[in-house]
Amino acid sequence: MFYSYILKSEKDGKYYYGSTENLEIRLIKHSKGDVKSTKARRPFIIHFFEEFNSRSEAFRREQYYKSVNGYIYLKQNNII
């Protein structure tokens, strides 16, 4: 399985959107500071995720989260 996910920083309350094949390992990497873009905002919790059968589907969903329409969808559905 592949995942698109939203992490929430426990430090500043902001969200990070991503996709991965292994959600647990990816969370560990974010929380350890191994990801440059989130290093200063750690620790993180998994706020929301969706499962997909392919890497491309998960990546497309990640890109949707990052779009204006995706942001509206996430707000309207009380996800963020």
PDB file of N, CA and C in Angstrom:
ATOM      1  N   MET A   1       0.834  -1.193   0.000  1.00  0.00           N
ATOM      2  CA  MET A   1       0.000   0.000   0.000  1.00  0.00           C
ATOM      3  C   MET A   1       0.875   1.251   0.000  1.00  0.00           C
ATOM      4  N   PHE A   2       0.289   2.322  -0.497  1.00  0.00           N
ATOM      5  CA  PHE A   2       0.933   3.625  -0.506  1.00  0.00           C
ATOM      6  C   PHE A   2      -0.002   4.594   0.209  1.00  0.00           C
ATOM      7  N   TYR A   3       0.573   5.639   0.752  1.00  0.00           N
ATOM      8  CA  TYR A   3      -0.201   6.549   1.593  1.00  0.00           C
ATOM      9  C   TYR A   3       0.045   8.000   1.208  1.00  0.00           C
ATOM     10  N   SER A   4      -1.008   8.781   1.264  1.00  0.00           N
ATOM     11  CA  SER A   4      -0.859  10.229   1.309  1.00  0.00           C
ATOM     12  C   SER A   4      -1.212  10.592   2.744  1.00  0.00           C
ATOM     13  N   TYR A   5      -0.500  11.556   3.283  1.00  0.00           N
ATOM     14  CA  TYR A   5      -0.659  11.814   4.707  1.00  0.00           C
ATOM     15  C   TYR A   5      -0.557  13.297   5.027  1.00  0.00           C
ATOM     16  N   ILE A   6      -1.093  13.632   6.193  1.00  0.00           N
ATOM     17  CA  ILE A   6      -0.963  14.975   6.739  1.00  0.00           C
ATOM     18  C   ILE A   6      -0.405  14.811   8.143  1.00  0.00           C
ATOM     19  N   LEU A   7       0.732  15.441   8.366  1.00  0.00           N
ATOM     20  CA  LEU A   7       1.318  15.460   9.698  1.00  0.00           C
ATOM     21  C   LEU A   7       1.012  16.799  10.339  1.00  0.00           C
ATOM     22  N   LYS A   8       0.906  16.795  11.660  1.00  0.00           N
ATOM     23  CA  LYS A   8       0.718  18.036  12.395  1.00  0.00           C
ATOM     24  C   LYS A   8       1.896  18.219  13.328  1.00  0.00           C
ATOM     25  N   SER A   9       2.504  19.388  13.263  1.00  0.00           N
ATOM     26  CA  SER A   9       3.631  19.700  14.135  1.00  0.00           C
ATOM     27  C   SER A   9       3.108  19.962  15.543  1.00  0.00           C
ATOM     28  N   GLU A  10       3.685  19.284  16.521  1.00  0.00           N
ATOM     29  CA  GLU A  10       3.313  19.550  17.907  1.00  0.00           C
ATOM     30  C   GLU A  10       3.972  20.833  18.410  1.00  0.00           C
ATOM     31  N   LYS A  11       4.942  21.327  17.675  1.00  0.00           N
ATOM     32  CA  LYS A  11       5.645  22.557  18.058  1.00  0.00           C
ATOM     33  C   LYS A  11       4.865  23.807  17.663  1.00  0.00           C
ATOM     34  N   ASP A  12       4.418  23.863  16.404  1.00  0.00           N
ATOM     35  CA  ASP A  12       3.761  25.085  15.933  1.00  0.00           C
ATOM     36  C   ASP A  12       2.318  24.869  15.450  1.00  0.00           C
ATOM     37  N   GLY A  13       1.837  23.624  15.458  1.00  0.00           N
ATOM     38  CA  GLY A  13       0.451  23.340  15.068  1.00  0.00           C
ATOM     39  C   GLY A  13       0.196  23.376  13.574  1.00  0.00           C
ATOM     40  N   LYS A  14       1.242  23.558  12.762  1.00  0.00           N
ATOM     41  CA  LYS A  14       1.066  23.615  11.312  1.00  0.00           C
ATOM     42  C   LYS A  14       1.111  22.206  10.713  1.00  0.00           C
ATOM     43  N   TYR A  15       0.624  22.119   9.469  1.00  0.00           N
ATOM     44  CA  TYR A  15       0.507  20.832   8.790  1.00  0.00           C
ATOM     45  C   TYR A  15       1.596  20.650   7.741  1.00  0.00           C
ATOM     46  N   TYR A  16       1.907  19.387   7.487  1.00  0.00           N
ATOM     47  CA  TYR A  16       2.823  19.002   6.419  1.00  0.00           C
ATOM     48  C   TYR A  16       2.135  17.906   5.617  1.00  0.00           C
ATOM     49  N   TYR A  17       2.147  18.027   4.287  1.00  0.00           N
ATOM     50  CA  TYR A  17       1.504  17.065   3.403  1.00  0.00           C
ATOM     51  C   TYR A  17       2.566  16.245   2.684  1.00  0.00           C
ATOM     52  N   GLY A  18       2.341  14.930   2.581  1.00  0.00           N
ATOM     53  CA  GLY A  18       3.306  14.089   1.901  1.00  0.00           C
ATOM     54  C   GLY A  18       2.690  12.785   1.426  1.00  0.00           C
ATOM     55  N   SER A  19       3.524  11.948   0.808  1.00  0.00           N
ATOM     56  CA  SER A  19       3.112  10.610   0.386  1.00  0.00           C
ATOM     57  C   SER A  19       4.295   9.670   0.571  1.00  0.00           C
ATOM     58  N   THR A  20       3.998   8.395   0.818  1.00  0.00           N
ATOM     59  CA  THR A  20       5.049   7.434   1.103  1.00  0.00           C
ATOM     60  C   THR A  20       4.526   6.015   0.948  1.00  0.00           C
ATOM     61  N   GLU A  21       5.444   5.078   0.958  1.00  0.00           N
ATOM     62  CA  GLU A  21       5.072   3.664   0.944  1.00  0.00           C
ATOM     63  C   GLU A  21       4.985   3.111   2.363  1.00  0.00           C
ATOM     64  N   ASN A  22       5.766   3.667   3.280  1.00  0.00           N
ATOM     65  CA  ASN A  22       5.770   3.182   4.660  1.00  0.00           C
ATOM     66  C   ASN A  22       5.548   4.361   5.599  1.00  0.00           C
ATOM     67  N   LEU A  23       4.337   4.494   6.088  1.00  0.00           N
ATOM     68  CA  LEU A  23       3.941   5.642   6.897  1.00  0.00           C
ATOM     69  C   LEU A  23       4.680   5.689   8.239  1.00  0.00           C
ATOM     70  N   GLU A  24       4.875   4.561   8.875  1.00  0.00           N
ATOM     71  CA  GLU A  24       5.546   4.541  10.176  1.00  0.00           C
ATOM     72  C   GLU A  24       6.990   5.016  10.066  1.00  0.00           C
ATOM     73  N   ILE A  25       7.708   4.496   9.079  1.00  0.00           N
ATOM     74  CA  ILE A  25       9.109   4.893   8.904  1.00  0.00           C
ATOM     75  C   ILE A  25       9.195   6.370   8.523  1.00  0.00           C
ATOM     76  N   ARG A  26       8.276   6.832   7.692  1.00  0.00           N
ATOM     77  CA  ARG A  26       8.298   8.242   7.282  1.00  0.00           C
ATOM     78  C   ARG A  26       8.059   9.159   8.478  1.00  0.00           C
ATOM     79  N   LEU A  27       7.147   8.796   9.364  1.00  0.00           N
ATOM     80  CA  LEU A  27       6.897   9.593  10.568  1.00  0.00           C
ATOM     81  C   LEU A  27       8.152   9.647  11.440  1.00  0.00           C
ATOM     82  N   ILE A  28       8.823   8.527  11.582  1.00  0.00           N
ATOM     83  CA  ILE A  28      10.059   8.480  12.372  1.00  0.00           C
ATOM     84  C   ILE A  28      11.102   9.420  11.771  1.00  0.00           C
ATOM     85  N   LYS A  29      11.247   9.395  10.445  1.00  0.00           N
ATOM     86  CA  LYS A  29      12.223  10.268   9.786  1.00  0.00           C
ATOM     87  C   LYS A  29      11.890  11.744  10.012  1.00  0.00           C
ATOM     88  N   HIS A  30      10.616  12.097   9.895  1.00  0.00           N
ATOM     89  CA  HIS A  30      10.214  13.484  10.140  1.00  0.00           C
ATOM     90  C   HIS A  30      10.504  13.863  11.591  1.00  0.00           C
ATOM     91  N   SER A  31      10.152  13.016  12.525  1.00  0.00           N
ATOM     92  CA  SER A  31      10.298  13.331  13.941  1.00  0.00           C
ATOM     93  C   SER A  31      11.749  13.339  14.411  1.00  0.00           C
ATOM     94  N   LYS A  32      12.626  12.580  13.736  1.00  0.00           N
ATOM     95  CA  LYS A  32      14.052  12.567  14.089  1.00  0.00           C
ATOM     96  C   LYS A  32      14.805  13.753  13.504  1.00  0.00           C
ATOM     97  N   GLY A  33      14.199  14.444  12.558  1.00  0.00           N
ATOM     98  CA  GLY A  33      14.874  15.571  11.921  1.00  0.00           C
ATOM     99  C   GLY A  33      15.616  15.192  10.660  1.00  0.00           C
ATOM    100  N   ASP A  34      15.339  14.031  10.105  1.00  0.00           N
ATOM    101  CA  ASP A  34      16.000  13.572   8.887  1.00  0.00           C
ATOM    102  C   ASP A  34      15.439  14.209   7.615  1.00  0.00           C
ATOM    103  N   VAL A  35      14.339  14.945   7.729  1.00  0.00           N
ATOM    104  CA  VAL A  35      13.724  15.611   6.580  1.00  0.00           C
ATOM    105  C   VAL A  35      13.967  17.115   6.729  1.00  0.00           C
ATOM    106  N   LYS A  36      14.746  17.664   5.810  1.00  0.00           N
ATOM    107  CA  LYS A  36      15.188  19.054   5.909  1.00  0.00           C
ATOM    108  C   LYS A  36      14.021  20.045   6.050  1.00  0.00           C
ATOM    109  N   SER A  37      12.961  19.831   5.280  1.00  0.00           N
ATOM    110  CA  SER A  37      11.859  20.799   5.271  1.00  0.00           C
ATOM    111  C   SER A  37      11.041  20.808   6.562  1.00  0.00           C
ATOM    112  N   THR A  38      11.159  19.782   7.388  1.00  0.00           N
ATOM    113  CA  THR A  38      10.373  19.736   8.626  1.00  0.00           C
ATOM    114  C   THR A  38      11.227  19.688   9.886  1.00  0.00           C
ATOM    115  N   LYS A  39      12.520  19.728   9.725  1.00  0.00           N
ATOM    116  CA  LYS A  39      13.440  19.555  10.853  1.00  0.00           C
ATOM    117  C   LYS A  39      13.167  20.533  12.007  1.00  0.00           C
ATOM    118  N   ALA A  40      12.899  21.783  11.694  1.00  0.00           N
ATOM    119  CA  ALA A  40      12.706  22.800  12.727  1.00  0.00           C
ATOM    120  C   ALA A  40      11.319  22.754  13.367  1.00  0.00           C
ATOM    121  N   ARG A  41      10.422  21.926  12.840  1.00  0.00           N
ATOM    122  CA  ARG A  41       9.032  21.908  13.320  1.00  0.00           C
ATOM    123  C   ARG A  41       8.671  20.644  14.086  1.00  0.00           C
ATOM    124  N   ARG A  42       9.611  19.797  14.363  1.00  0.00           N
ATOM    125  CA  ARG A  42       9.332  18.530  15.023  1.00  0.00           C
ATOM    126  C   ARG A  42       9.066  18.713  16.501  1.00  0.00           C
ATOM    127  N   PRO A  43       8.403  17.781  17.141  1.00  0.00           N
ATOM    128  CA  PRO A  43       7.924  16.472  16.690  1.00  0.00           C
ATOM    129  C   PRO A  43       6.576  16.578  15.967  1.00  0.00           C
ATOM    130  N   PHE A  44       6.230  15.487  15.294  1.00  0.00           N
ATOM    131  CA  PHE A  44       5.006  15.418  14.510  1.00  0.00           C
ATOM    132  C   PHE A  44       4.121  14.270  14.966  1.00  0.00           C
ATOM    133  N   ILE A  45       2.837  14.425  14.680  1.00  0.00           N
ATOM    134  CA  ILE A  45       1.881  13.326  14.841  1.00  0.00           C
ATOM    135  C   ILE A  45       1.198  13.129  13.488  1.00  0.00           C
ATOM    136  N   ILE A  46       0.732  11.917  13.237  1.00  0.00           N
ATOM    137  CA  ILE A  46      -0.057  11.669  12.029  1.00  0.00           C
ATOM    138  C   ILE A  46      -1.447  12.224  12.294  1.00  0.00           C
ATOM    139  N   HIS A  47      -1.829  13.200  11.505  1.00  0.00           N
ATOM    140  CA  HIS A  47      -3.125  13.849  11.675  1.00  0.00           C
ATOM    141  C   HIS A  47      -4.200  13.168  10.824  1.00  0.00           C
ATOM    142  N   PHE A  48      -3.799  12.735   9.613  1.00  0.00           N
ATOM    143  CA  PHE A  48      -4.754  12.155   8.669  1.00  0.00           C
ATOM    144  C   PHE A  48      -3.965  11.405   7.609  1.00  0.00           C
ATOM    145  N   PHE A  49      -4.536  10.298   7.106  1.00  0.00           N
ATOM    146  CA  PHE A  49      -3.910   9.597   5.985  1.00  0.00           C
ATOM    147  C   PHE A  49      -4.956   8.847   5.190  1.00  0.00           C
ATOM    148  N   GLU A  50      -4.604   8.565   3.937  1.00  0.00           N
ATOM    149  CA  GLU A  50      -5.436   7.756   3.051  1.00  0.00           C
ATOM    150  C   GLU A  50      -4.541   6.709   2.401  1.00  0.00           C
ATOM    151  N   GLU A  51      -5.098   5.536   2.129  1.00  0.00           N
ATOM    152  CA  GLU A  51      -4.360   4.435   1.493  1.00  0.00           C
ATOM    153  C   GLU A  51      -4.693   4.362   0.012  1.00  0.00           C
ATOM    154  N   PHE A  52      -3.672   4.000  -0.781  1.00  0.00           N
ATOM    155  CA  PHE A  52      -3.840   3.852  -2.219  1.00  0.00           C
ATOM    156  C   PHE A  52      -3.096   2.614  -2.691  1.00  0.00           C
ATOM    157  N   ASN A  53      -3.488   2.113  -3.845  1.00  0.00           N
ATOM    158  CA  ASN A  53      -2.856   0.925  -4.417  1.00  0.00           C
ATOM    159  C   ASN A  53      -1.578   1.226  -5.181  1.00  0.00           C
ATOM    160  N   SER A  54      -1.380   2.475  -5.569  1.00  0.00           N
ATOM    161  CA  SER A  54      -0.179   2.809  -6.344  1.00  0.00           C
ATOM    162  C   SER A  54       0.470   4.079  -5.815  1.00  0.00           C
ATOM    163  N   ARG A  55       1.762   4.184  -6.084  1.00  0.00           N
ATOM    164  CA  ARG A  55       2.527   5.369  -5.694  1.00  0.00           C
ATOM    165  C   ARG A  55       1.976   6.614  -6.396  1.00  0.00           C
ATOM    166  N   SER A  56       1.598   6.472  -7.659  1.00  0.00           N
ATOM    167  CA  SER A  56       1.115   7.626  -8.416  1.00  0.00           C
ATOM    168  C   SER A  56      -0.208   8.157  -7.858  1.00  0.00           C
ATOM    169  N   GLU A  57      -1.090   7.269  -7.418  1.00  0.00           N
ATOM    170  CA  GLU A  57      -2.351   7.719  -6.813  1.00  0.00           C
ATOM    171  C   GLU A  57      -2.088   8.496  -5.524  1.00  0.00           C
ATOM    172  N   ALA A  58      -1.191   7.979  -4.694  1.00  0.00           N
ATOM    173  CA  ALA A  58      -0.861   8.642  -3.433  1.00  0.00           C
ATOM    174  C   ALA A  58      -0.232  10.005  -3.697  1.00  0.00           C
ATOM    175  N   PHE A  59       0.652  10.080  -4.679  1.00  0.00           N
ATOM    176  CA  PHE A  59       1.306  11.340  -5.006  1.00  0.00           C
ATOM    177  C   PHE A  59       0.295  12.354  -5.550  1.00  0.00           C
ATOM    178  N   ARG A  60      -0.614  11.899  -6.403  1.00  0.00           N
ATOM    179  CA  ARG A  60      -1.655  12.802  -6.930  1.00  0.00           C
ATOM    180  C   ARG A  60      -2.502  13.366  -5.797  1.00  0.00           C
ATOM    181  N   ARG A  61      -2.814  12.536  -4.809  1.00  0.00           N
ATOM    182  CA  ARG A  61      -3.614  13.003  -3.677  1.00  0.00           C
ATOM    183  C   ARG A  61      -2.826  14.017  -2.846  1.00  0.00           C
ATOM    184  N   GLU A  62      -1.534  13.764  -2.659  1.00  0.00           N
ATOM    185  CA  GLU A  62      -0.681  14.733  -1.957  1.00  0.00           C
ATOM    186  C   GLU A  62      -0.726  16.076  -2.676  1.00  0.00           C
ATOM    187  N   GLN A  63      -0.586  16.063  -3.993  1.00  0.00           N
ATOM    188  CA  GLN A  63      -0.627  17.298  -4.771  1.00  0.00           C
ATOM    189  C   GLN A  63      -1.982  17.985  -4.642  1.00  0.00           C
ATOM    190  N   TYR A  64      -3.036  17.195  -4.573  1.00  0.00           N
ATOM    191  CA  TYR A  64      -4.376  17.760  -4.382  1.00  0.00           C
ATOM    192  C   TYR A  64      -4.466  18.459  -3.033  1.00  0.00           C
ATOM    193  N   TYR A  65      -3.961  17.832  -1.968  1.00  0.00           N
ATOM    194  CA  TYR A  65      -3.966  18.471  -0.640  1.00  0.00           C
ATOM    195  C   TYR A  65      -3.311  19.849  -0.708  1.00  0.00           C
ATOM    196  N   LYS A  66      -2.266  19.971  -1.511  1.00  0.00           N
ATOM    197  CA  LYS A  66      -1.480  21.197  -1.587  1.00  0.00           C
ATOM    198  C   LYS A  66      -2.109  22.256  -2.502  1.00  0.00           C
ATOM    199  N   SER A  67      -3.163  21.907  -3.214  1.00  0.00           N
ATOM    200  CA  SER A  67      -3.820  22.838  -4.130  1.00  0.00           C
ATOM    201  C   SER A  67      -4.885  23.655  -3.391  1.00  0.00           C
ATOM    202  N   VAL A  68      -5.336  24.710  -4.022  1.00  0.00           N
ATOM    203  CA  VAL A  68      -6.399  25.537  -3.443  1.00  0.00           C
ATOM    204  C   VAL A  68      -7.657  24.706  -3.241  1.00  0.00           C
ATOM    205  N   ASN A  69      -8.049  23.923  -4.256  1.00  0.00           N
ATOM    206  CA  ASN A  69      -9.254  23.095  -4.128  1.00  0.00           C
ATOM    207  C   ASN A  69      -9.097  22.047  -3.032  1.00  0.00           C
ATOM    208  N   GLY A  70      -7.899  21.487  -2.908  1.00  0.00           N
ATOM    209  CA  GLY A  70      -7.636  20.514  -1.859  1.00  0.00           C
ATOM    210  C   GLY A  70      -7.733  21.136  -0.485  1.00  0.00           C
ATOM    211  N   TYR A  71      -7.204  22.345  -0.338  1.00  0.00           N
ATOM    212  CA  TYR A  71      -7.289  23.058   0.939  1.00  0.00           C
ATOM    213  C   TYR A  71      -8.753  23.295   1.317  1.00  0.00           C
ATOM    214  N   ILE A  72      -9.540  23.724   0.350  1.00  0.00           N
ATOM    215  CA  ILE A  72     -10.970  23.948   0.592  1.00  0.00           C
ATOM    216  C   ILE A  72     -11.643  22.643   1.013  1.00  0.00           C
ATOM    217  N   TYR A  73     -11.348  21.557   0.305  1.00  0.00           N
ATOM    218  CA  TYR A  73     -11.898  20.240   0.644  1.00  0.00           C
ATOM    219  C   TYR A  73     -11.531  19.837   2.080  1.00  0.00           C
ATOM    220  N   LEU A  74     -10.257  19.990   2.426  1.00  0.00           N
ATOM    221  CA  LEU A  74      -9.803  19.610   3.768  1.00  0.00           C
ATOM    222  C   LEU A  74     -10.487  20.455   4.848  1.00  0.00           C
ATOM    223  N   LYS A  75     -10.676  21.745   4.592  1.00  0.00           N
ATOM    224  CA  LYS A  75     -11.357  22.625   5.556  1.00  0.00           C
ATOM    225  C   LYS A  75     -12.839  22.268   5.668  1.00  0.00           C
ATOM    226  N   GLN A  76     -13.510  22.081   4.528  1.00  0.00           N
ATOM    227  CA  GLN A  76     -14.948  21.788   4.530  1.00  0.00           C
ATOM    228  C   GLN A  76     -15.268  20.474   5.229  1.00  0.00           C
ATOM    229  N   ASN A  77     -14.350  19.524   5.161  1.00  0.00           N
ATOM    230  CA  ASN A  77     -14.569  18.218   5.773  1.00  0.00           C
ATOM    231  C   ASN A  77     -13.934  18.111   7.159  1.00  0.00           C
ATOM    232  N   ASN A  78     -13.551  19.249   7.711  1.00  0.00           N
ATOM    233  CA  ASN A  78     -12.976  19.324   9.071  1.00  0.00           C
ATOM    234  C   ASN A  78     -11.775  18.402   9.257  1.00  0.00           C
ATOM    235  N   ILE A  79     -10.982  18.258   8.218  1.00  0.00           N
ATOM    236  CA  ILE A  79      -9.770  17.448   8.312  1.00  0.00           C
ATOM    237  C   ILE A  79      -8.641  18.311   8.864  1.00  0.00           C
ATOM    238  N   ILE A  80      -8.609  19.568   8.434  1.00  0.00           N
ATOM    239  CA  ILE A  80      -7.634  20.509   9.003  1.00  0.00           C
ATOM    240  C   ILE A  80      -8.387  21.714   9.566  1.00  0.00           C
TER     241      ILE A  80
END
